[in-house]
């Protein structure tokens, strides 16, 4: 399991910009490549050798075209092509709400149309101490929410692992930017997904979460047991743009 940074306690009510992407390079004090232990017991970094990164103009732009990070049996070595996680982990205020907000635009290249998993970009809000993942995801043609609890050694039991993908009523086009806000409320364990200022989905988590990391990623995650390598690796890729990241805490 990925080692976690020290949790940063936040004021009960505050709003601030975590990263406005005005530096010439991605700030290593704010972001790092995600890594995780694979089924082989080795550490694997979510980095694709074809990745091209550009920043400095208020956005992080990441292109991987085509994807090259594939594996035939271990999703941890296959699904995430390139992923960044926040160095800081943010505590949810007691009886309050923590919100992560960021604009994201996704353009997929040679994606299978209306396939949610062939190539997509994500806004990630996650907690490796409980395995909870709240992602906003987009392809050329679909915007959707992902609510997941990962199977993690010494964290979750097999029966606790689940994943739900909910297609949102948000029309989109290749590269179209939307503003995503993902909120979690401590006293009710409720999560909300807002897109372009409108509530798009809400749910209640089966486990309380004390803190979250933020992240940005490009994925291709078609089922390893259902699709052959040729069906999963057919030359597809994606470009994602994110920024700026804004965090808000409040009592509600």
C-alpha atoms as a PDB file:
ATOM      1  CA  UNK A   1       0.000   0.000   0.000  1.00  0.00           C
ATOM      2  CA  UNK A   2       1.169   3.493  -0.752  1.00  0.00           C
ATOM      3  CA  UNK A   3       2.760   5.254   2.201  1.00  0.00           C
ATOM      4  CA  UNK A   4       0.710   8.277   3.141  1.00  0.00           C
ATOM      5  CA  UNK A   5       1.918  11.764   3.976  1.00  0.00           C
ATOM      6  CA  UNK A   6       1.058  13.392   7.238  1.00  0.00           C
ATOM      7  CA  UNK A   7      -2.514  14.610   7.315  1.00  0.00           C
ATOM      8  CA  UNK A   8      -2.878  18.362   7.208  1.00  0.00           C
ATOM      9  CA  UNK A   9      -5.546  19.730   9.552  1.00  0.00           C
ATOM     10  CA  UNK A  10      -7.613  22.495   8.031  1.00  0.00           C
ATOM     11  CA  UNK A  11      -9.601  25.387   9.499  1.00  0.00           C
ATOM     12  CA  UNK A  12     -13.304  24.751  10.099  1.00  0.00           C
ATOM     13  CA  UNK A  13     -14.177  27.317   7.443  1.00  0.00           C
ATOM     14  CA  UNK A  14     -11.720  28.241   4.723  1.00  0.00           C
ATOM     15  CA  UNK A  15     -11.235  28.414   0.958  1.00  0.00           C
ATOM     16  CA  UNK A  16      -7.937  28.486  -0.857  1.00  0.00           C
ATOM     17  CA  UNK A  17      -6.157  27.489  -4.072  1.00  0.00           C
ATOM     18  CA  UNK A  18      -4.004  24.386  -3.717  1.00  0.00           C
ATOM     19  CA  UNK A  19      -2.322  24.763  -7.121  1.00  0.00           C
ATOM     20  CA  UNK A  20      -2.898  27.321  -9.860  1.00  0.00           C
ATOM     21  CA  UNK A  21      -0.328  25.691 -12.189  1.00  0.00           C
ATOM     22  CA  UNK A  22       1.621  28.853 -12.913  1.00  0.00           C
ATOM     23  CA  UNK A  23       5.037  27.244 -12.324  1.00  0.00           C
ATOM     24  CA  UNK A  24       7.019  26.106 -15.335  1.00  0.00           C
ATOM     25  CA  UNK A  25       7.032  22.548 -13.963  1.00  0.00           C
ATOM     26  CA  UNK A  26       4.658  20.538 -11.823  1.00  0.00           C
ATOM     27  CA  UNK A  27       5.475  21.406  -8.200  1.00  0.00           C
ATOM     28  CA  UNK A  28       6.944  18.317  -6.441  1.00  0.00           C
ATOM     29  CA  UNK A  29       5.952  19.819  -3.096  1.00  0.00           C
ATOM     30  CA  UNK A  30       2.302  19.515  -4.185  1.00  0.00           C
ATOM     31  CA  UNK A  31       2.118  16.512  -6.516  1.00  0.00           C
ATOM     32  CA  UNK A  32       3.801  13.144  -6.926  1.00  0.00           C
ATOM     33  CA  UNK A  33       3.343  10.113  -9.183  1.00  0.00           C
ATOM     34  CA  UNK A  34       0.994   7.604  -7.549  1.00  0.00           C
ATOM     35  CA  UNK A  35       2.475   4.217  -6.770  1.00  0.00           C
ATOM     36  CA  UNK A  36       1.058   1.022  -5.318  1.00  0.00           C
ATOM     37  CA  UNK A  37       2.116  -2.536  -4.568  1.00  0.00           C
ATOM     38  CA  UNK A  38       1.046  -4.913  -7.333  1.00  0.00           C
ATOM     39  CA  UNK A  39      -0.062  -8.524  -7.151  1.00  0.00           C
ATOM     40  CA  UNK A  40       3.593  -9.507  -7.559  1.00  0.00           C
ATOM     41  CA  UNK A  41       4.537  -7.714  -4.329  1.00  0.00           C
ATOM     42  CA  UNK A  42       6.573  -5.086  -6.187  1.00  0.00           C
ATOM     43  CA  UNK A  43       6.023  -1.315  -6.153  1.00  0.00           C
ATOM     44  CA  UNK A  44       4.624   0.015  -9.410  1.00  0.00           C
ATOM     45  CA  UNK A  45       4.430   3.676 -10.396  1.00  0.00           C
ATOM     46  CA  UNK A  46       1.461   4.924 -12.372  1.00  0.00           C
ATOM     47  CA  UNK A  47       3.577   6.400 -15.144  1.00  0.00           C
ATOM     48  CA  UNK A  48       3.407   5.754 -18.897  1.00  0.00           C
ATOM     49  CA  UNK A  49       6.571   6.089 -20.964  1.00  0.00           C
ATOM     50  CA  UNK A  50       4.600   7.981 -23.642  1.00  0.00           C
ATOM     51  CA  UNK A  51       3.485  10.731 -21.259  1.00  0.00           C
ATOM     52  CA  UNK A  52       3.952  14.343 -22.296  1.00  0.00           C
ATOM     53  CA  UNK A  53       3.351  17.013 -19.653  1.00  0.00           C
ATOM     54  CA  UNK A  54       2.918  20.760 -20.000  1.00  0.00           C
ATOM     55  CA  UNK A  55       2.069  23.342 -17.340  1.00  0.00           C
ATOM     56  CA  UNK A  56       2.603  26.977 -16.448  1.00  0.00           C
ATOM     57  CA  UNK A  57      -0.446  28.584 -18.056  1.00  0.00           C
ATOM     58  CA  UNK A  58      -2.951  27.855 -15.289  1.00  0.00           C
ATOM     59  CA  UNK A  59      -3.477  24.238 -16.309  1.00  0.00           C
ATOM     60  CA  UNK A  60      -1.709  20.922 -16.144  1.00  0.00           C
ATOM     61  CA  UNK A  61      -1.930  19.229 -19.537  1.00  0.00           C
ATOM     62  CA  UNK A  62      -1.121  15.526 -19.758  1.00  0.00           C
ATOM     63  CA  UNK A  63      -1.138  13.557 -23.010  1.00  0.00           C
ATOM     64  CA  UNK A  64      -0.479   9.838 -23.354  1.00  0.00           C
ATOM     65  CA  UNK A  65      -1.041   8.765 -26.951  1.00  0.00           C
ATOM     66  CA  UNK A  66      -1.050   5.889 -27.341  1.00  0.00           C
ATOM     67  CA  UNK A  67      -1.186   4.247 -23.931  1.00  0.00           C
ATOM     68  CA  UNK A  68       1.626   1.750 -23.354  1.00  0.00           C
ATOM     69  CA  UNK A  69       1.156   0.664 -19.717  1.00  0.00           C
ATOM     70  CA  UNK A  70      -0.732  -2.633 -20.060  1.00  0.00           C
ATOM     71  CA  UNK A  71      -0.811  -5.900 -18.130  1.00  0.00           C
ATOM     72  CA  UNK A  72      -2.799  -9.086 -18.682  1.00  0.00           C
ATOM     73  CA  UNK A  73      -3.590 -10.169 -15.106  1.00  0.00           C
ATOM     74  CA  UNK A  74      -3.052  -7.349 -12.581  1.00  0.00           C
ATOM     75  CA  UNK A  75      -5.331  -4.275 -12.807  1.00  0.00           C
ATOM     76  CA  UNK A  76      -2.870  -2.320 -10.653  1.00  0.00           C
ATOM     77  CA  UNK A  77      -0.289  -2.679 -13.404  1.00  0.00           C
ATOM     78  CA  UNK A  78      -2.790  -1.997 -16.168  1.00  0.00           C
ATOM     79  CA  UNK A  79      -5.572   0.478 -15.417  1.00  0.00           C
ATOM     80  CA  UNK A  80      -3.927   3.775 -14.475  1.00  0.00           C
ATOM     81  CA  UNK A  81      -1.697   4.979 -17.300  1.00  0.00           C
ATOM     82  CA  UNK A  82      -0.455   8.079 -15.508  1.00  0.00           C
ATOM     83  CA  UNK A  83      -1.710   9.408 -12.171  1.00  0.00           C
ATOM     84  CA  UNK A  84      -0.673  12.208  -9.857  1.00  0.00           C
ATOM     85  CA  UNK A  85      -1.708  12.382  -6.210  1.00  0.00           C
ATOM     86  CA  UNK A  86      -1.488  15.350  -3.904  1.00  0.00           C
ATOM     87  CA  UNK A  87       1.461  15.253  -1.531  1.00  0.00           C
ATOM     88  CA  UNK A  88      -0.817  16.646   1.157  1.00  0.00           C
ATOM     89  CA  UNK A  89      -3.688  14.709   2.656  1.00  0.00           C
ATOM     90  CA  UNK A  90      -6.552  16.826   3.922  1.00  0.00           C
ATOM     91  CA  UNK A  91      -8.585  16.146   7.060  1.00  0.00           C
ATOM     92  CA  UNK A  92     -12.348  16.435   6.940  1.00  0.00           C
ATOM     93  CA  UNK A  93     -13.529  18.938   9.574  1.00  0.00           C
ATOM     94  CA  UNK A  94     -15.549  17.336  12.365  1.00  0.00           C
ATOM     95  CA  UNK A  95     -19.265  17.765  11.652  1.00  0.00           C
ATOM     96  CA  UNK A  96     -18.261  19.711   8.549  1.00  0.00           C
ATOM     97  CA  UNK A  97     -17.690  19.428   4.841  1.00  0.00           C
ATOM     98  CA  UNK A  98     -14.562  19.206   2.677  1.00  0.00           C
ATOM     99  CA  UNK A  99     -14.828  20.103  -1.017  1.00  0.00           C
ATOM    100  CA  UNK A 100     -12.317  19.652  -3.830  1.00  0.00           C
ATOM    101  CA  UNK A 101     -12.995  21.715  -6.955  1.00  0.00           C
ATOM    102  CA  UNK A 102     -11.155  21.731 -10.270  1.00  0.00           C
ATOM    103  CA  UNK A 103     -11.838  22.230 -13.974  1.00  0.00           C
ATOM    104  CA  UNK A 104     -11.080  19.264 -16.238  1.00  0.00           C
ATOM    105  CA  UNK A 105     -11.256  18.808 -19.995  1.00  0.00           C
ATOM    106  CA  UNK A 106     -10.689  15.393 -21.599  1.00  0.00           C
ATOM    107  CA  UNK A 107     -10.033  14.495 -25.217  1.00  0.00           C
ATOM    108  CA  UNK A 108      -9.642  10.806 -25.994  1.00  0.00           C
ATOM    109  CA  UNK A 109      -7.840   9.513 -29.068  1.00  0.00           C
ATOM    110  CA  UNK A 110      -9.237   6.472 -30.925  1.00  0.00           C
ATOM    111  CA  UNK A 111     -11.515   5.663 -27.984  1.00  0.00           C
ATOM    112  CA  UNK A 112     -14.275   3.102 -28.507  1.00  0.00           C
ATOM    113  CA  UNK A 113     -17.348   5.411 -28.560  1.00  0.00           C
ATOM    114  CA  UNK A 114     -19.486   5.350 -25.407  1.00  0.00           C
ATOM    115  CA  UNK A 115     -17.179   2.841 -23.743  1.00  0.00           C
ATOM    116  CA  UNK A 116     -16.585   4.261 -20.256  1.00  0.00           C
ATOM    117  CA  UNK A 117     -13.353   2.325 -19.665  1.00  0.00           C
ATOM    118  CA  UNK A 118     -11.465   2.307 -22.965  1.00  0.00           C
ATOM    119  CA  UNK A 119      -9.845   5.720 -22.422  1.00  0.00           C
ATOM    120  CA  UNK A 120     -10.809   8.397 -19.915  1.00  0.00           C
ATOM    121  CA  UNK A 121      -9.577  11.127 -17.605  1.00  0.00           C
ATOM    122  CA  UNK A 122     -10.382  11.621 -13.943  1.00  0.00           C
ATOM    123  CA  UNK A 123     -10.605  14.006 -11.027  1.00  0.00           C
ATOM    124  CA  UNK A 124      -9.653  11.842  -8.049  1.00  0.00           C
ATOM    125  CA  UNK A 125     -10.604  12.203  -4.384  1.00  0.00           C
ATOM    126  CA  UNK A 126      -9.500   9.161  -2.396  1.00  0.00           C
ATOM    127  CA  UNK A 127      -8.436   7.734   0.957  1.00  0.00           C
ATOM    128  CA  UNK A 128      -6.026   4.806   1.108  1.00  0.00           C
ATOM    129  CA  UNK A 129      -6.761   4.249   4.806  1.00  0.00           C
ATOM    130  CA  UNK A 130     -10.325   3.115   4.012  1.00  0.00           C
ATOM    131  CA  UNK A 131     -10.021   2.356   0.292  1.00  0.00           C
ATOM    132  CA  UNK A 132     -12.717   4.918  -0.573  1.00  0.00           C
ATOM    133  CA  UNK A 133     -12.489   6.493  -4.040  1.00  0.00           C
ATOM    134  CA  UNK A 134     -14.690   9.312  -5.373  1.00  0.00           C
ATOM    135  CA  UNK A 135     -13.848  10.086  -9.002  1.00  0.00           C
ATOM    136  CA  UNK A 136     -15.368  12.354 -11.604  1.00  0.00           C
ATOM    137  CA  UNK A 137     -14.538  10.877 -15.010  1.00  0.00           C
ATOM    138  CA  UNK A 138     -14.957  11.918 -18.627  1.00  0.00           C
ATOM    139  CA  UNK A 139     -14.446  10.593 -22.141  1.00  0.00           C
ATOM    140  CA  UNK A 140     -15.098  12.280 -25.487  1.00  0.00           C
ATOM    141  CA  UNK A 141     -18.812  11.579 -25.109  1.00  0.00           C
ATOM    142  CA  UNK A 142     -19.715  10.838 -21.473  1.00  0.00           C
ATOM    143  CA  UNK A 143     -19.315  12.335 -18.000  1.00  0.00           C
ATOM    144  CA  UNK A 144     -19.766   9.986 -15.057  1.00  0.00           C
ATOM    145  CA  UNK A 145     -19.137   9.494 -11.350  1.00  0.00           C
ATOM    146  CA  UNK A 146     -17.183   6.604  -9.847  1.00  0.00           C
ATOM    147  CA  UNK A 147     -17.820   5.520  -6.269  1.00  0.00           C
ATOM    148  CA  UNK A 148     -15.482   2.723  -5.254  1.00  0.00           C
ATOM    149  CA  UNK A 149     -13.992   0.912  -2.309  1.00  0.00           C
ATOM    150  CA  UNK A 150     -10.694  -0.661  -3.247  1.00  0.00           C
ATOM    151  CA  UNK A 151      -9.523  -4.103  -2.231  1.00  0.00           C
ATOM    152  CA  UNK A 152      -6.459  -3.256  -0.138  1.00  0.00           C
ATOM    153  CA  UNK A 153      -4.456  -5.637   2.074  1.00  0.00           C
ATOM    154  CA  UNK A 154      -5.077  -5.030   5.790  1.00  0.00           C
ATOM    155  CA  UNK A 155      -7.675  -2.376   4.920  1.00  0.00           C
ATOM    156  CA  UNK A 156     -10.712  -4.023   3.315  1.00  0.00           C
ATOM    157  CA  UNK A 157     -12.212  -7.494   3.282  1.00  0.00           C
ATOM    158  CA  UNK A 158     -13.152  -9.032  -0.094  1.00  0.00           C
ATOM    159  CA  UNK A 159     -16.880  -8.547   0.544  1.00  0.00           C
ATOM    160  CA  UNK A 160     -16.331  -4.833   1.237  1.00  0.00           C
ATOM    161  CA  UNK A 161     -14.931  -4.110  -2.214  1.00  0.00           C
ATOM    162  CA  UNK A 162     -17.383  -2.499  -4.674  1.00  0.00           C
ATOM    163  CA  UNK A 163     -17.529  -0.090  -7.585  1.00  0.00           C
ATOM    164  CA  UNK A 164     -20.424   1.946  -8.997  1.00  0.00           C
ATOM    165  CA  UNK A 165     -20.265   3.995 -12.178  1.00  0.00           C
ATOM    166  CA  UNK A 166     -23.084   6.486 -12.660  1.00  0.00           C
ATOM    167  CA  UNK A 167     -23.498   8.264 -16.002  1.00  0.00           C
ATOM    168  CA  UNK A 168     -24.338  11.912 -15.303  1.00  0.00           C
ATOM    169  CA  UNK A 169     -26.753  14.104 -17.226  1.00  0.00           C
ATOM    170  CA  UNK A 170     -23.962  16.355 -18.482  1.00  0.00           C
ATOM    171  CA  UNK A 171     -23.645  16.804 -22.267  1.00  0.00           C
ATOM    172  CA  UNK A 172     -20.022  16.941 -23.356  1.00  0.00           C
ATOM    173  CA  UNK A 173     -17.752  17.016 -26.387  1.00  0.00           C
ATOM    174  CA  UNK A 174     -14.094  16.101 -26.991  1.00  0.00           C
ATOM    175  CA  UNK A 175     -11.910  18.411 -24.926  1.00  0.00           C
ATOM    176  CA  UNK A 176     -14.852  20.304 -23.401  1.00  0.00           C
ATOM    177  CA  UNK A 177     -13.991  21.687 -19.974  1.00  0.00           C
ATOM    178  CA  UNK A 178     -16.324  21.193 -17.030  1.00  0.00           C
ATOM    179  CA  UNK A 179     -15.926  22.347 -13.454  1.00  0.00           C
ATOM    180  CA  UNK A 180     -16.128  19.472 -10.998  1.00  0.00           C
ATOM    181  CA  UNK A 181     -16.680  19.739  -7.260  1.00  0.00           C
ATOM    182  CA  UNK A 182     -16.582  16.652  -5.028  1.00  0.00           C
ATOM    183  CA  UNK A 183     -17.704  17.130  -1.421  1.00  0.00           C
ATOM    184  CA  UNK A 184     -17.757  14.875   1.617  1.00  0.00           C
ATOM    185  CA  UNK A 185     -19.721  15.591   4.781  1.00  0.00           C
ATOM    186  CA  UNK A 186     -18.338  14.129   8.006  1.00  0.00           C
ATOM    187  CA  UNK A 187     -21.480  13.798  10.124  1.00  0.00           C
ATOM    188  CA  UNK A 188     -23.508  11.909   7.517  1.00  0.00           C
ATOM    189  CA  UNK A 189     -20.791  10.271   5.350  1.00  0.00           C
ATOM    190  CA  UNK A 190     -22.526  11.787   2.323  1.00  0.00           C
ATOM    191  CA  UNK A 191     -20.676  12.559  -0.888  1.00  0.00           C
ATOM    192  CA  UNK A 192     -21.866  15.000  -3.544  1.00  0.00           C
ATOM    193  CA  UNK A 193     -20.755  15.501  -7.135  1.00  0.00           C
ATOM    194  CA  UNK A 194     -21.394  18.932  -8.662  1.00  0.00           C
ATOM    195  CA  UNK A 195     -20.676  19.609 -12.336  1.00  0.00           C
ATOM    196  CA  UNK A 196     -20.673  23.186 -13.636  1.00  0.00           C
ATOM    197  CA  UNK A 197     -22.304  24.379 -10.416  1.00  0.00           C
ATOM    198  CA  UNK A 198     -25.171  21.868 -10.493  1.00  0.00           C
ATOM    199  CA  UNK A 199     -25.689  18.881  -8.208  1.00  0.00           C
ATOM    200  CA  UNK A 200     -25.271  15.857 -10.482  1.00  0.00           C
ATOM    201  CA  UNK A 201     -25.172  12.963  -8.011  1.00  0.00           C
ATOM    202  CA  UNK A 202     -25.149  12.248  -4.291  1.00  0.00           C
ATOM    203  CA  UNK A 203     -24.622   9.112  -2.241  1.00  0.00           C
ATOM    204  CA  UNK A 204     -23.890   7.923   1.275  1.00  0.00           C
ATOM    205  CA  UNK A 205     -20.704   5.966   1.917  1.00  0.00           C
ATOM    206  CA  UNK A 206     -20.803   2.803   4.061  1.00  0.00           C
ATOM    207  CA  UNK A 207     -17.662   3.841   5.941  1.00  0.00           C
ATOM    208  CA  UNK A 208     -16.596   7.118   7.526  1.00  0.00           C
ATOM    209  CA  UNK A 209     -13.569   8.863   6.004  1.00  0.00           C
ATOM    210  CA  UNK A 210     -11.294  11.127   8.047  1.00  0.00           C
ATOM    211  CA  UNK A 211      -9.104  12.547   5.278  1.00  0.00           C
ATOM    212  CA  UNK A 212      -8.552  12.555   1.529  1.00  0.00           C
ATOM    213  CA  UNK A 213      -5.903  13.007  -1.134  1.00  0.00           C
ATOM    214  CA  UNK A 214      -6.642  14.663  -4.472  1.00  0.00           C
ATOM    215  CA  UNK A 215      -5.460  13.356  -7.819  1.00  0.00           C
ATOM    216  CA  UNK A 216      -5.488  13.627 -11.620  1.00  0.00           C
ATOM    217  CA  UNK A 217      -5.156  10.712 -14.008  1.00  0.00           C
ATOM    218  CA  UNK A 218      -5.608   9.100 -17.397  1.00  0.00           C
ATOM    219  CA  UNK A 219      -6.936   5.541 -17.443  1.00  0.00           C
ATOM    220  CA  UNK A 220      -7.805   2.584 -19.626  1.00  0.00           C
ATOM    221  CA  UNK A 221      -9.469  -0.106 -17.544  1.00  0.00           C
ATOM    222  CA  UNK A 222     -11.397  -2.580 -19.669  1.00  0.00           C
ATOM    223  CA  UNK A 223     -11.980  -5.894 -17.882  1.00  0.00           C
ATOM    224  CA  UNK A 224      -8.840  -8.057 -18.075  1.00  0.00           C
ATOM    225  CA  UNK A 225     -10.853 -11.289 -18.029  1.00  0.00           C
ATOM    226  CA  UNK A 226     -13.373 -10.171 -20.651  1.00  0.00           C
ATOM    227  CA  UNK A 227     -11.165  -8.497 -23.255  1.00  0.00           C
ATOM    228  CA  UNK A 228      -8.049  -9.761 -24.980  1.00  0.00           C
ATOM    229  CA  UNK A 229      -4.859  -7.700 -25.017  1.00  0.00           C
ATOM    230  CA  UNK A 230      -5.597  -6.746 -28.642  1.00  0.00           C
ATOM    231  CA  UNK A 231      -9.037  -5.440 -27.632  1.00  0.00           C
ATOM    232  CA  UNK A 232      -7.602  -3.500 -24.681  1.00  0.00           C
ATOM    233  CA  UNK A 233      -4.465  -2.196 -26.418  1.00  0.00           C
ATOM    234  CA  UNK A 234      -5.625  -0.968 -29.808  1.00  0.00           C
ATOM    235  CA  UNK A 235      -3.749   2.334 -30.043  1.00  0.00           C
ATOM    236  CA  UNK A 236      -6.037   4.503 -27.918  1.00  0.00           C
ATOM    237  CA  UNK A 237      -4.837   7.400 -25.794  1.00  0.00           C
ATOM    238  CA  UNK A 238      -6.050  10.568 -24.094  1.00  0.00           C
ATOM    239  CA  UNK A 239      -5.283  14.169 -23.224  1.00  0.00           C
ATOM    240  CA  UNK A 240      -6.419  15.717 -19.960  1.00  0.00           C
ATOM    241  CA  UNK A 241      -6.272  19.289 -18.680  1.00  0.00           C
ATOM    242  CA  UNK A 242      -6.802  20.189 -15.024  1.00  0.00           C
ATOM    243  CA  UNK A 243      -6.711  23.346 -12.980  1.00  0.00           C
ATOM    244  CA  UNK A 244      -6.708  25.273 -10.855  1.00  0.00           C
ATOM    245  CA  UNK A 245      -7.393  23.147  -7.769  1.00  0.00           C
ATOM    246  CA  UNK A 246      -9.454  24.810  -5.050  1.00  0.00           C
ATOM    247  CA  UNK A 247     -10.280  23.373  -1.616  1.00  0.00           C
ATOM    248  CA  UNK A 248     -13.059  24.539   0.698  1.00  0.00           C
ATOM    249  CA  UNK A 249     -13.959  23.548   4.248  1.00  0.00           C
ATOM    250  CA  UNK A 250     -17.092  24.516   6.081  1.00  0.00           C
ATOM    251  CA  UNK A 251     -19.586  23.577   8.739  1.00  0.00           C
ATOM    252  CA  UNK A 252     -23.028  22.770   7.351  1.00  0.00           C
END
